[in-house]
Amino acid sequence: MIYADHNATSPLRPEARDAMQAVWDMGATNPSSVHTAGRAARAVLEKARAAIGGAIGSRAEDVVLTSGGTEADNLAIHGIVAALEGKCTFLVSAIEHEAIAKAAAFSGARVETAYVTPEGIIDLEDLTARLSDWDHDAKGVPVLCLMLANNETGVIQPVAEAAALVREAEGLTVCDAVQGLGKIPVNVAMLGVDYLSLSAHKIGGPQGAGALWHRAGAPLKAVQQGGGQERGLRSGTENVAAFAGFHAAIEAALRDMPKYAKLSTHRDEMERRLEEVAGVTVMGKGADRLAGTSNFALPGFAAETQVMAMDLAGVCISAGSACSSGKVKRSLVLLAMGASDALAESAIRTSFGWNSTPEDFKGVADAWLQAAKRTVLKEKA
């Protein structure tokens, strides 16, 4: 089998598995308990927190441990609304993950769309114009929601530039960096954001572990009540083993970042072959992208058909966001980029990661071309 769906979930790294097993071997441990076993569990959590903070250039105490990227996003969105008593307006980029977009939509606050260019990059000129005459009395604090790298196209966003514009307008910036961690440099000071969400399972850590970093002093209130863990911002007993795995995965991902960057050579060669043989359109090709991500489309070749055909050939890929519903549907991200319905309905995503090989890229292209020749390419011949 060829696994080309790392943006959905990256296979568990052996380092993460070993770290988790070590915690399980410790026996029953609650990190909130004050006895010896509880203190041992707490030490595991705090080491993980420090590793997460170190990976993004922050203090450990500014990191809130969560159950994943979705919870981190929701804590940021709803926590801001609670702290500002609803006196804010979210500027949600048109390519945001649903964890952000839906949280904002259900937050009770005002929501506007921040538009993107045909390459899938936030339109900084439009953002500048909208912020230049921002009515704070009517709209409250502007809160930009802009992901670091898009999960479907891999397009990397100019977060630092956008955040600077928002800061000048006395606003806040929420950055979903789930797809960027361990693949490109992530530094909260250089990005200039106020909140940043992360997830373990995109970098070879376990599912069920994530984090929200928040700038010291940035407005944020708890949105669930309980035992007061995570300095009162996220109640609930932390998953100690999962965070041990997150810790190990972060160290391995940072170590392997140069290796990941080299995947772009194989990705580009795969795309050239598909363009030359089948005439596919590569989405976001002219923008900076994550090295292991490729989103391409061939009108007339339905995405659902492609996913099934590739699965039968032993290749795992996705169409759109694998997190959305488990169903293949037209990509809203590509429509926001101005893609036609025909392109959006035929686009698929291949994503490679820490254990991908050059042969995987060739295998994906071989399998896709064989499937295309049985359908659309045969009809065109």
Protein backbone atom coordinates (compact mmCIF):
# COMPACT_ATOMS: atom_id res chain seq x y z
CA MET A 1 0.00 0.00 0.00
CA ILE A 2 1.09 3.57 -0.73
CA TYR A 3 -0.03 6.03 1.92
CA ALA A 4 -0.41 9.51 0.43
CA ASP A 5 -2.76 11.07 2.96
CA HIS A 6 -0.41 12.51 5.59
CA ASN A 7 -2.37 15.79 5.78
CA ALA A 8 -5.29 13.77 7.13
CA THR A 9 -3.23 11.75 9.59
CA SER A 10 0.44 10.91 9.49
CA PRO A 11 1.35 7.37 10.59
CA LEU A 12 2.53 7.09 14.17
CA ARG A 13 6.28 7.50 14.46
CA PRO A 14 8.15 4.74 16.33
CA GLU A 15 9.55 7.36 18.71
CA ALA A 16 6.02 8.41 19.63
CA ARG A 17 4.88 4.83 20.09
CA ASP A 18 7.80 4.10 22.43
CA ALA A 19 7.15 7.26 24.48
CA MET A 20 3.50 6.36 24.88
CA GLN A 21 4.31 2.80 25.88
CA ALA A 22 6.63 4.10 28.58
CA VAL A 23 3.76 6.08 30.10
CA TRP A 24 1.39 3.12 29.93
CA ASP A 25 4.02 1.07 31.71
CA MET A 26 3.91 3.61 34.56
CA GLY A 27 0.41 2.39 35.42
CA ALA A 28 -2.61 4.46 36.44
CA THR A 29 -1.51 8.07 36.80
CA ASN A 30 -3.51 11.29 37.09
CA PRO A 31 -1.33 14.39 36.62
CA SER A 32 -3.51 16.35 39.04
CA SER A 33 -2.80 13.96 41.91
CA VAL A 34 -0.21 15.09 44.44
CA HIS A 35 1.25 11.65 45.24
CA THR A 36 4.39 10.21 43.67
CA ALA A 37 2.62 8.62 40.71
CA GLY A 38 0.70 11.81 40.00
CA ARG A 39 3.85 13.90 40.13
CA ALA A 40 5.50 11.53 37.67
CA ALA A 41 2.59 12.01 35.26
CA ARG A 42 2.74 15.78 35.76
CA ALA A 43 6.44 15.73 34.86
CA VAL A 44 5.63 14.00 31.58
CA LEU A 45 3.04 16.66 30.76
CA GLU A 46 5.27 19.57 31.62
CA LYS A 47 8.12 18.21 29.52
CA ALA A 48 5.72 17.91 26.61
CA ARG A 49 4.45 21.44 27.19
CA ALA A 50 8.03 22.73 27.17
CA ALA A 51 8.76 20.86 23.93
CA ILE A 52 5.66 22.30 22.27
CA GLY A 53 6.58 25.79 23.42
CA GLY A 54 10.17 25.36 22.29
CA ALA A 55 9.06 24.21 18.84
CA ILE A 56 7.19 27.48 18.26
CA GLY A 57 9.49 29.84 20.14
CA SER A 58 7.24 30.42 23.13
CA ARG A 59 7.20 30.02 26.88
CA ALA A 60 5.81 26.74 28.13
CA GLU A 61 3.31 28.52 30.39
CA ASP A 62 1.57 30.07 27.39
CA VAL A 63 0.67 26.63 25.98
CA VAL A 64 -2.73 25.08 26.80
CA LEU A 65 -2.92 21.33 26.19
CA THR A 66 -6.08 20.19 24.36
CA SER A 67 -7.54 17.07 22.77
CA GLY A 68 -6.49 18.19 19.29
CA GLY A 69 -6.49 20.99 16.74
CA THR A 70 -10.26 21.30 16.61
CA GLU A 71 -10.57 21.86 20.34
CA ALA A 72 -7.68 24.33 20.23
CA ASP A 73 -9.41 26.27 17.45
CA ASN A 74 -12.70 26.27 19.31
CA LEU A 75 -11.08 27.37 22.55
CA ALA A 76 -9.49 30.30 20.73
CA ILE A 77 -12.68 31.39 18.95
CA HIS A 78 -15.16 30.94 21.80
CA GLY A 79 -12.61 32.02 24.40
CA ILE A 80 -12.09 35.32 22.59
CA VAL A 81 -15.83 35.94 22.34
CA ALA A 82 -16.27 35.21 26.04
CA ALA A 83 -13.39 37.48 27.04
CA LEU A 84 -14.54 40.34 24.80
CA GLU A 85 -18.22 39.80 25.67
CA GLY A 86 -19.03 39.40 22.00
CA LYS A 87 -17.60 42.78 21.01
CA CYS A 88 -15.59 41.53 18.05
CA THR A 89 -15.87 40.62 14.38
CA PHE A 90 -14.14 37.57 12.95
CA LEU A 91 -12.48 37.97 9.56
CA VAL A 92 -12.32 34.32 8.55
CA SER A 93 -10.24 33.52 5.49
CA ALA A 94 -12.19 31.81 2.73
CA ILE A 95 -9.87 28.80 2.91
CA GLU A 96 -10.03 28.12 6.66
CA HIS A 97 -10.56 24.65 8.05
CA GLU A 98 -14.11 24.02 9.24
CA ALA A 99 -12.84 23.83 12.82
CA ILE A 100 -12.31 27.57 12.60
CA ALA A 101 -15.05 28.53 10.15
CA LYS A 102 -17.84 26.68 11.95
CA ALA A 103 -16.65 27.74 15.40
CA ALA A 104 -16.80 31.38 14.29
CA ALA A 105 -20.21 30.87 12.68
CA PHE A 106 -21.63 29.45 15.92
CA SER A 107 -19.82 31.86 18.26
CA GLY A 108 -22.57 34.46 18.26
CA ALA A 109 -20.15 37.13 17.07
CA ARG A 110 -20.21 38.92 13.73
CA VAL A 111 -18.36 37.06 10.93
CA GLU A 112 -16.99 38.35 7.64
CA THR A 113 -15.01 36.56 4.93
CA ALA A 114 -11.41 37.46 4.18
CA TYR A 115 -10.97 36.75 0.48
CA VAL A 116 -8.12 34.95 -1.25
CA THR A 117 -6.42 35.23 -4.63
CA PRO A 118 -6.68 32.58 -7.38
CA GLU A 119 -3.48 31.05 -5.97
CA GLY A 120 -5.20 30.57 -2.63
CA ILE A 121 -3.31 33.31 -0.77
CA ILE A 122 -5.13 35.83 1.41
CA ASP A 123 -5.74 39.07 -0.48
CA LEU A 124 -3.64 41.52 1.52
CA GLU A 125 -4.82 44.52 -0.49
CA ASP A 126 -8.44 43.76 0.29
CA LEU A 127 -7.57 43.15 3.94
CA THR A 128 -5.72 46.47 4.12
CA ALA A 129 -8.65 48.35 2.63
CA ARG A 130 -11.15 46.80 5.03
CA LEU A 131 -9.04 47.46 8.10
CA SER A 132 -8.18 51.02 7.11
CA ASP A 133 -11.64 52.32 7.94
CA TRP A 134 -12.62 49.75 10.57
CA ASP A 135 -15.52 50.92 12.73
CA HIS A 136 -14.61 49.72 16.21
CA ASP A 137 -17.81 51.08 17.72
CA ALA A 138 -20.00 49.10 15.35
CA LYS A 139 -17.87 46.01 14.81
CA GLY A 140 -15.72 45.75 17.91
CA VAL A 141 -12.25 44.22 17.76
CA PRO A 142 -11.23 42.80 14.36
CA VAL A 143 -10.08 39.18 14.73
CA LEU A 144 -8.39 37.65 11.71
CA CYS A 145 -8.48 33.87 11.36
CA LEU A 146 -5.75 32.78 8.96
CA MET A 147 -4.19 29.32 8.78
CA LEU A 148 -0.46 28.95 8.29
CA ALA A 149 -0.69 26.36 5.52
CA ASN A 150 -3.82 25.12 3.80
CA ASN A 151 -4.68 21.49 4.41
CA GLU A 152 -6.03 20.92 0.88
CA THR A 153 -3.60 22.79 -1.36
CA GLY A 154 -0.58 23.14 0.90
CA VAL A 155 -0.41 26.87 0.08
CA ILE A 156 1.52 28.76 2.76
CA GLN A 157 -0.05 32.01 3.89
CA PRO A 158 1.68 35.38 4.54
CA VAL A 159 0.60 35.26 8.16
CA ALA A 160 3.22 37.69 9.46
CA GLU A 161 2.21 40.38 6.94
CA ALA A 162 -1.49 39.89 7.59
CA ALA A 163 -1.04 39.88 11.37
CA ALA A 164 0.91 43.14 11.20
CA LEU A 165 -1.98 44.78 9.36
CA VAL A 166 -4.45 43.54 11.96
CA ARG A 167 -2.25 44.66 14.82
CA GLU A 168 -2.13 48.20 13.37
CA ALA A 169 -5.92 48.16 13.42
CA GLU A 170 -5.84 47.17 17.13
CA GLY A 171 -7.03 43.67 16.31
CA LEU A 172 -6.09 40.07 17.03
CA THR A 173 -4.95 37.16 14.86
CA VAL A 174 -5.81 33.49 15.28
CA CYS A 175 -3.54 31.13 13.34
CA ASP A 176 -4.30 27.45 12.78
CA ALA A 177 -0.79 26.03 12.33
CA VAL A 178 -1.83 22.38 12.43
CA GLN A 179 -0.46 21.64 8.94
CA GLY A 180 2.65 23.77 9.32
CA LEU A 181 4.22 22.38 12.50
CA GLY A 182 7.21 20.18 11.75
CA LYS A 183 7.10 20.98 8.04
CA ILE A 184 8.05 24.66 7.91
CA PRO A 185 9.50 26.97 10.58
CA VAL A 186 6.87 28.12 13.09
CA ASN A 187 7.75 30.96 15.45
CA VAL A 188 4.98 32.87 17.17
CA ALA A 189 7.07 36.00 17.66
CA MET A 190 8.03 36.20 14.00
CA LEU A 191 4.47 35.46 12.91
CA GLY A 192 3.12 38.16 15.22
CA VAL A 193 -0.07 36.24 15.98
CA ASP A 194 -2.01 36.16 19.24
CA TYR A 195 -3.24 32.56 19.18
CA LEU A 196 -1.84 29.48 17.44
CA SER A 197 -3.30 25.97 17.36
CA LEU A 198 -1.43 22.69 16.89
CA SER A 199 -2.12 18.97 16.59
CA ALA A 200 0.01 15.87 17.19
CA HIS A 201 -1.34 13.45 14.61
CA LYS A 202 -0.33 15.55 11.59
CA ILE A 203 3.36 15.05 12.41
CA GLY A 204 3.40 11.38 13.36
CA GLY A 205 2.12 11.79 16.91
CA PRO A 206 -1.06 10.22 18.29
CA GLN A 207 -4.59 11.37 17.66
CA GLY A 208 -6.22 13.07 20.62
CA ALA A 209 -3.46 15.54 21.53
CA GLY A 210 -3.20 19.19 20.54
CA ALA A 211 -2.36 22.58 21.93
CA LEU A 212 -3.35 26.22 21.86
CA TRP A 213 -0.67 28.84 22.35
CA HIS A 214 -1.90 32.30 23.37
CA ARG A 215 0.09 35.48 23.75
CA ALA A 216 0.43 36.59 27.34
CA GLY A 217 -2.30 39.16 27.93
CA ALA A 218 -4.37 38.19 24.89
CA PRO A 219 -8.07 37.96 25.79
CA LEU A 220 -9.09 34.36 26.47
CA LYS A 221 -11.60 32.73 28.81
CA ALA A 222 -12.47 29.11 29.47
CA VAL A 223 -15.43 27.74 27.53
CA GLN A 224 -15.93 24.51 29.48
CA GLN A 225 -16.13 24.07 33.22
CA GLY A 226 -14.66 21.35 35.38
CA GLY A 227 -11.69 20.68 37.58
CA GLY A 228 -9.72 23.73 36.48
CA GLN A 229 -6.84 22.00 34.74
CA GLU A 230 -4.58 23.92 32.35
CA ARG A 231 -4.66 27.00 34.61
CA GLY A 232 -8.43 27.04 34.41
CA LEU A 233 -8.54 27.42 30.62
CA ARG A 234 -9.23 23.79 29.72
CA SER A 235 -10.75 21.58 32.37
CA GLY A 236 -10.46 17.82 32.04
CA THR A 237 -7.79 15.26 32.88
CA GLU A 238 -4.99 15.45 30.34
CA ASN A 239 -4.08 12.43 28.20
CA VAL A 240 -0.58 11.86 29.57
CA ALA A 241 0.45 9.11 27.15
CA ALA A 242 -0.76 11.09 24.14
CA PHE A 243 1.28 14.11 25.15
CA ALA A 244 4.34 11.96 25.66
CA GLY A 245 3.81 10.86 22.06
CA PHE A 246 3.31 14.47 20.95
CA HIS A 247 6.59 15.39 22.64
CA ALA A 248 8.50 12.63 20.86
CA ALA A 249 6.85 13.41 17.52
CA ILE A 250 7.79 17.08 17.76
CA GLU A 251 11.43 16.27 18.36
CA ALA A 252 11.48 13.82 15.45
CA ALA A 253 9.62 16.19 13.10
CA LEU A 254 11.96 19.09 13.82
CA ARG A 255 14.92 16.79 13.24
CA ASP A 256 13.44 15.62 9.92
CA MET A 257 12.41 19.03 8.55
CA PRO A 258 15.29 19.15 6.00
CA LYS A 259 14.26 15.69 4.81
CA TYR A 260 10.65 16.82 4.46
CA ALA A 261 11.68 19.89 2.43
CA LYS A 262 13.33 17.61 -0.14
CA LEU A 263 9.96 16.01 -0.91
CA SER A 264 9.16 19.00 -3.12
CA THR A 265 11.55 17.68 -5.79
CA HIS A 266 9.60 14.43 -6.10
CA ARG A 267 6.27 16.24 -5.80
CA ASP A 268 7.16 18.60 -8.65
CA GLU A 269 8.29 15.71 -10.85
CA MET A 270 5.02 13.87 -10.20
CA GLU A 271 3.04 16.97 -11.11
CA ARG A 272 5.04 17.54 -14.31
CA ARG A 273 4.31 14.00 -15.41
CA LEU A 274 0.59 14.31 -14.73
CA GLU A 275 0.44 17.66 -16.51
CA GLU A 276 2.27 16.37 -19.59
CA VAL A 277 0.43 13.06 -19.90
CA ALA A 278 -3.06 13.95 -18.68
CA GLY A 279 -3.26 17.75 -18.70
CA VAL A 280 -4.19 18.09 -15.04
CA THR A 281 -4.47 21.49 -13.37
CA VAL A 282 -2.34 21.83 -10.25
CA MET A 283 -4.05 24.04 -7.70
CA GLY A 284 -1.92 26.75 -6.08
CA LYS A 285 1.08 25.79 -8.18
CA GLY A 286 2.42 29.34 -8.39
CA ALA A 287 2.44 29.84 -4.60
CA ASP A 288 4.75 28.61 -1.88
CA ARG A 289 3.42 25.24 -0.77
CA LEU A 290 4.16 22.54 1.74
CA ALA A 291 6.74 20.25 0.15
CA GLY A 292 4.65 17.10 0.46
CA THR A 293 1.26 18.39 -0.70
CA SER A 294 -0.22 18.35 -4.21
CA ASN A 295 -3.80 19.14 -5.22
CA PHE A 296 -4.68 18.53 -8.85
CA ALA A 297 -7.80 18.20 -10.97
CA LEU A 298 -8.95 16.85 -14.31
CA PRO A 299 -12.46 17.98 -15.27
CA GLY A 300 -14.74 15.08 -16.01
CA PHE A 301 -12.91 12.71 -13.67
CA ALA A 302 -15.00 12.91 -10.50
CA ALA A 303 -13.05 13.13 -7.26
CA GLU A 304 -15.10 10.34 -5.70
CA THR A 305 -14.29 8.05 -8.63
CA GLN A 306 -10.60 8.86 -8.30
CA VAL A 307 -10.50 8.16 -4.57
CA MET A 308 -12.20 4.77 -5.07
CA ALA A 309 -10.03 3.83 -8.05
CA MET A 310 -6.85 4.71 -6.18
CA ASP A 311 -8.02 2.80 -3.12
CA LEU A 312 -8.56 -0.30 -5.26
CA ALA A 313 -5.02 0.17 -6.58
CA GLY A 314 -3.68 0.27 -3.01
CA VAL A 315 -3.15 4.03 -2.82
CA CYS A 316 -4.61 6.19 -0.05
CA ILE A 317 -5.49 9.77 -1.05
CA SER A 318 -8.17 12.32 -0.18
CA ALA A 319 -10.55 14.69 -1.91
CA GLY A 320 -10.93 17.97 -0.04
CA SER A 321 -10.54 17.85 3.73
CA ALA A 322 -10.59 14.37 5.19
CA CYS A 323 -11.80 15.91 8.47
CA SER A 324 -15.05 17.28 7.06
CA SER A 325 -17.50 14.40 7.06
CA GLY A 326 -15.95 11.26 5.67
CA LYS A 327 -17.70 11.94 2.38
CA VAL A 328 -16.28 13.21 -0.87
CA LYS A 329 -17.74 16.57 -1.78
CA ARG A 330 -16.89 19.64 -3.83
CA SER A 331 -14.03 21.62 -2.34
CA LEU A 332 -15.07 24.97 -0.89
CA VAL A 333 -11.39 25.94 -0.71
CA LEU A 334 -10.98 25.61 -4.47
CA LEU A 335 -14.22 27.47 -5.14
CA ALA A 336 -12.92 30.30 -2.95
CA MET A 337 -9.84 30.38 -5.19
CA GLY A 338 -12.10 30.94 -8.19
CA ALA A 339 -11.91 27.40 -9.57
CA SER A 340 -14.74 26.32 -11.82
CA ASP A 341 -17.27 23.77 -10.61
CA ALA A 342 -15.70 21.23 -12.96
CA LEU A 343 -12.28 21.68 -11.38
CA ALA A 344 -13.59 21.74 -7.81
CA GLU A 345 -15.57 18.55 -8.35
CA SER A 346 -12.59 16.68 -9.80
CA ALA A 347 -9.79 17.79 -7.47
CA ILE A 348 -7.92 15.35 -5.27
CA ARG A 349 -5.16 15.81 -2.72
CA THR A 350 -2.04 13.74 -2.31
CA SER A 351 0.05 14.41 0.77
CA PHE A 352 3.34 12.81 1.73
CA GLY A 353 5.29 12.86 4.97
CA TRP A 354 7.96 11.48 7.25
CA ASN A 355 8.01 7.91 5.90
CA SER A 356 7.34 8.68 2.22
CA THR A 357 9.84 7.53 -0.41
CA PRO A 358 10.60 8.66 -3.99
CA GLU A 359 8.97 5.44 -5.14
CA ASP A 360 5.70 6.51 -3.49
CA PHE A 361 5.42 9.55 -5.77
CA LYS A 362 6.00 7.42 -8.87
CA GLY A 363 3.53 4.83 -7.62
CA VAL A 364 0.84 7.46 -7.10
CA ALA A 365 1.34 8.83 -10.61
CA ASP A 366 1.33 5.33 -12.13
CA ALA A 367 -1.89 4.35 -10.36
CA TRP A 368 -3.64 7.63 -11.15
CA LEU A 369 -2.73 7.54 -14.84
CA GLN A 370 -3.93 3.96 -15.14
CA ALA A 371 -7.26 4.93 -13.56
CA ALA A 372 -7.56 8.00 -15.79
CA LYS A 373 -6.81 6.00 -18.95
CA ARG A 374 -9.68 3.64 -18.14
CA THR A 375 -12.11 6.57 -17.97
CA VAL A 376 -11.67 10.15 -19.08
CA LEU A 377 -8.43 9.82 -21.06
CA LYS A 378 -9.84 6.87 -22.97
CA GLU A 379 -12.89 8.92 -23.88
CA LYS A 380 -10.73 11.79 -25.11
CA ALA A 381 -8.48 9.56 -27.20
